[in-house]
N, C-alpha and C. Protein backbone atom coordinates (compact mmCIF):
# COMPACT_ATOMS: atom_id res chain seq x y z
N MET A 1 106.98 110.69 135.93
CA MET A 1 106.44 109.64 135.09
C MET A 1 104.95 109.50 135.39
N ASP A 2 104.15 109.29 134.36
CA ASP A 2 102.73 109.01 134.51
C ASP A 2 102.61 107.58 135.02
N LYS A 3 102.15 107.41 136.25
CA LYS A 3 102.12 106.08 136.89
C LYS A 3 101.15 105.12 136.21
N ASN A 4 100.17 105.63 135.47
CA ASN A 4 99.21 104.74 134.83
C ASN A 4 99.76 104.16 133.52
N THR A 5 100.46 104.97 132.75
CA THR A 5 100.92 104.51 131.45
C THR A 5 102.38 104.11 131.43
N GLY A 6 103.17 104.61 132.38
CA GLY A 6 104.59 104.30 132.38
C GLY A 6 105.41 105.26 131.53
N PHE A 7 104.77 106.19 130.86
CA PHE A 7 105.49 107.13 130.02
C PHE A 7 106.01 108.30 130.84
N TYR A 8 107.15 108.83 130.44
CA TYR A 8 107.67 110.04 131.06
C TYR A 8 107.02 111.28 130.45
N MET A 9 106.22 111.08 129.43
CA MET A 9 105.56 112.17 128.72
C MET A 9 106.58 113.11 128.06
N GLU A 10 107.69 112.57 127.67
CA GLU A 10 108.73 113.34 127.01
C GLU A 10 108.36 113.48 125.55
N ILE A 11 108.24 114.69 125.06
CA ILE A 11 107.80 114.89 123.69
C ILE A 11 108.93 115.31 122.76
N GLU A 12 110.09 115.65 123.30
CA GLU A 12 111.21 116.02 122.45
C GLU A 12 112.39 115.12 122.76
N PRO A 13 112.51 114.03 122.00
CA PRO A 13 113.60 113.10 122.27
C PRO A 13 114.94 113.64 121.79
N LYS A 14 116.00 113.04 122.28
CA LYS A 14 117.32 113.33 121.72
C LYS A 14 117.39 112.62 120.38
N VAL A 15 118.07 113.21 119.42
CA VAL A 15 118.20 112.60 118.10
C VAL A 15 119.67 112.40 117.81
N PHE A 16 120.03 111.15 117.52
CA PHE A 16 121.39 110.80 117.15
C PHE A 16 121.38 110.35 115.70
N TYR A 17 122.50 110.57 115.02
CA TYR A 17 122.60 110.15 113.62
C TYR A 17 123.69 109.11 113.50
N GLN A 18 123.34 108.00 112.85
CA GLN A 18 124.29 106.91 112.63
C GLN A 18 124.03 106.34 111.25
N ASP A 19 125.07 106.23 110.46
CA ASP A 19 124.94 105.72 109.08
C ASP A 19 123.88 106.48 108.29
N ASN A 20 123.87 107.79 108.43
CA ASN A 20 122.90 108.67 107.75
C ASN A 20 121.45 108.38 108.12
N LYS A 21 121.22 107.79 109.30
CA LYS A 21 119.87 107.53 109.78
C LYS A 21 119.68 108.20 111.13
N ALA A 22 118.51 108.80 111.32
CA ALA A 22 118.20 109.44 112.59
C ALA A 22 117.67 108.40 113.56
N ILE A 23 118.17 108.42 114.79
CA ILE A 23 117.71 107.52 115.84
C ILE A 23 117.23 108.39 116.99
N THR A 24 115.95 108.23 117.35
CA THR A 24 115.41 109.02 118.46
C THR A 24 115.58 108.26 119.77
N VAL A 25 115.87 109.00 120.81
CA VAL A 25 116.09 108.38 122.12
C VAL A 25 115.23 109.09 123.15
N PHE A 26 114.40 108.33 123.82
CA PHE A 26 113.59 108.82 124.93
C PHE A 26 114.19 108.29 126.22
N ARG A 27 113.95 108.98 127.34
CA ARG A 27 114.50 108.56 128.63
C ARG A 27 113.98 107.21 129.08
N ASP A 28 112.77 106.86 128.68
CA ASP A 28 112.16 105.66 129.24
C ASP A 28 112.28 104.43 128.34
N ARG A 29 113.17 104.45 127.37
CA ARG A 29 113.36 103.25 126.57
C ARG A 29 114.79 103.20 126.05
N GLY A 30 115.23 102.01 125.76
CA GLY A 30 116.55 101.81 125.16
C GLY A 30 116.38 101.30 123.75
N VAL A 31 117.24 101.73 122.84
CA VAL A 31 117.22 101.25 121.46
C VAL A 31 118.59 100.66 121.17
N TYR A 32 118.58 99.43 120.66
CA TYR A 32 119.83 98.72 120.41
C TYR A 32 119.86 98.22 118.98
N LYS A 33 121.05 98.20 118.40
CA LYS A 33 121.21 97.77 117.01
C LYS A 33 122.23 96.64 116.96
N ASN A 34 121.91 95.61 116.16
CA ASN A 34 122.90 94.58 115.88
C ASN A 34 122.77 94.21 114.40
N GLU A 35 123.43 93.15 113.97
CA GLU A 35 123.43 92.80 112.55
C GLU A 35 122.05 92.38 112.04
N ASN A 36 121.15 92.00 112.93
CA ASN A 36 119.82 91.56 112.52
C ASN A 36 118.79 92.67 112.46
N GLY A 37 119.05 93.79 113.13
CA GLY A 37 118.11 94.90 113.13
C GLY A 37 118.17 95.69 114.43
N TYR A 38 117.08 96.38 114.72
CA TYR A 38 116.97 97.19 115.92
C TYR A 38 116.00 96.53 116.89
N HIS A 39 116.21 96.73 118.18
CA HIS A 39 115.18 96.36 119.14
C HIS A 39 115.12 97.43 120.22
N THR A 40 113.92 97.59 120.74
CA THR A 40 113.69 98.57 121.80
C THR A 40 113.28 97.83 123.07
N GLU A 41 113.62 98.40 124.19
CA GLU A 41 113.25 97.83 125.48
C GLU A 41 112.73 98.95 126.37
N ARG A 42 111.69 98.65 127.13
CA ARG A 42 111.16 99.63 128.07
C ARG A 42 110.37 98.92 129.15
N GLN A 43 110.21 99.60 130.26
CA GLN A 43 109.36 99.12 131.33
C GLN A 43 108.18 100.06 131.44
N MET A 44 106.99 99.49 131.62
CA MET A 44 105.79 100.29 131.73
C MET A 44 105.02 99.86 132.98
N THR A 45 104.27 100.78 133.53
CA THR A 45 103.36 100.47 134.62
C THR A 45 101.96 100.83 134.16
N VAL A 46 101.07 99.85 134.13
CA VAL A 46 99.69 100.07 133.72
C VAL A 46 98.79 99.53 134.82
N ASP A 47 97.95 100.39 135.34
CA ASP A 47 97.05 100.02 136.44
C ASP A 47 97.80 99.36 137.59
N GLY A 48 98.97 99.88 137.90
CA GLY A 48 99.75 99.38 139.02
C GLY A 48 100.54 98.11 138.74
N LYS A 49 100.44 97.56 137.53
CA LYS A 49 101.18 96.34 137.16
C LYS A 49 102.36 96.72 136.27
N SER A 50 103.51 96.13 136.55
CA SER A 50 104.71 96.42 135.76
C SER A 50 104.83 95.46 134.58
N PHE A 51 105.22 96.01 133.44
CA PHE A 51 105.42 95.21 132.23
C PHE A 51 106.78 95.55 131.64
N TYR A 52 107.44 94.56 131.08
CA TYR A 52 108.68 94.74 130.34
C TYR A 52 108.34 94.50 128.88
N VAL A 53 108.56 95.48 128.03
CA VAL A 53 108.17 95.39 126.63
C VAL A 53 109.43 95.44 125.77
N LYS A 54 109.53 94.49 124.85
CA LYS A 54 110.67 94.45 123.93
C LYS A 54 110.11 94.29 122.52
N SER A 55 110.51 95.17 121.62
CA SER A 55 110.07 95.13 120.23
C SER A 55 111.27 94.95 119.33
N PHE A 56 111.11 94.17 118.26
CA PHE A 56 112.21 93.92 117.32
C PHE A 56 111.82 94.39 115.93
N PHE A 57 112.74 95.10 115.28
CA PHE A 57 112.53 95.62 113.93
C PHE A 57 113.67 95.12 113.06
N PRO A 58 113.42 94.08 112.23
CA PRO A 58 114.50 93.49 111.43
C PRO A 58 115.03 94.44 110.37
N SER A 59 116.32 94.29 110.06
CA SER A 59 116.93 95.11 109.00
C SER A 59 116.31 94.79 107.65
N ILE A 60 116.08 93.51 107.41
CA ILE A 60 115.46 93.08 106.16
C ILE A 60 114.16 92.37 106.52
N SER A 61 113.07 92.99 106.17
CA SER A 61 111.76 92.47 106.53
C SER A 61 111.28 91.45 105.52
N LYS A 62 110.59 90.41 106.00
CA LYS A 62 110.01 89.40 105.12
C LYS A 62 108.64 89.84 104.61
N SER A 63 108.02 90.78 105.31
CA SER A 63 106.73 91.30 104.89
C SER A 63 106.58 92.72 105.44
N THR A 64 105.64 93.44 104.89
CA THR A 64 105.41 94.82 105.34
C THR A 64 104.52 94.82 106.57
N PRO A 65 104.53 95.89 107.34
CA PRO A 65 103.61 95.99 108.47
C PRO A 65 102.15 95.85 108.04
N THR A 66 101.81 96.37 106.88
CA THR A 66 100.43 96.26 106.38
C THR A 66 100.07 94.80 106.13
N ASP A 67 101.00 94.04 105.52
CA ASP A 67 100.75 92.61 105.30
C ASP A 67 100.53 91.88 106.61
N GLN A 68 101.32 92.20 107.62
CA GLN A 68 101.18 91.56 108.93
C GLN A 68 99.83 91.90 109.56
N LEU A 69 99.41 93.15 109.44
CA LEU A 69 98.13 93.57 110.00
C LEU A 69 96.97 92.87 109.31
N ILE A 70 97.03 92.77 107.99
CA ILE A 70 95.97 92.07 107.24
C ILE A 70 95.91 90.61 107.65
N LYS A 71 97.06 89.98 107.82
CA LYS A 71 97.11 88.58 108.24
C LYS A 71 96.49 88.42 109.63
N LEU A 72 96.79 89.33 110.54
CA LEU A 72 96.23 89.30 111.89
C LEU A 72 94.71 89.45 111.86
N ILE A 73 94.22 90.38 111.05
CA ILE A 73 92.78 90.60 110.93
C ILE A 73 92.11 89.37 110.34
N ASP A 74 92.70 88.79 109.30
CA ASP A 74 92.14 87.58 108.68
C ASP A 74 92.08 86.43 109.68
N ASN A 75 93.16 86.23 110.43
CA ASN A 75 93.19 85.15 111.42
C ASN A 75 92.13 85.37 112.50
N ASP A 76 91.97 86.62 112.92
CA ASP A 76 90.99 86.93 113.95
C ASP A 76 89.57 86.68 113.46
N SER A 77 89.29 87.06 112.22
CA SER A 77 87.94 86.86 111.68
C SER A 77 87.64 85.38 111.44
N GLN A 78 88.65 84.58 111.15
CA GLN A 78 88.46 83.14 110.97
C GLN A 78 88.17 82.45 112.31
N ASN A 79 88.71 83.00 113.39
CA ASN A 79 88.51 82.40 114.71
C ASN A 79 87.15 82.72 115.31
N LYS A 80 86.42 83.64 114.72
CA LYS A 80 85.09 84.02 115.26
C LYS A 80 83.99 83.18 114.69
């Protein structure tokens, strides 16, 4: 494992198929599915500090990733 980034540097994940969808699996993260969507969990080490990262991807999204990014940029520019 790269001690600075926390990645195993694995470039070829295992691929599983469920409900006609491909799910990639890397050694350094877990992917879980429930009725609300998918979430990933992983631990990372950056500059000697450990972090636990959890991301959620809903099955039915209320907005697109682009919409969220634009909203974030707008909010940031308003705060300056």
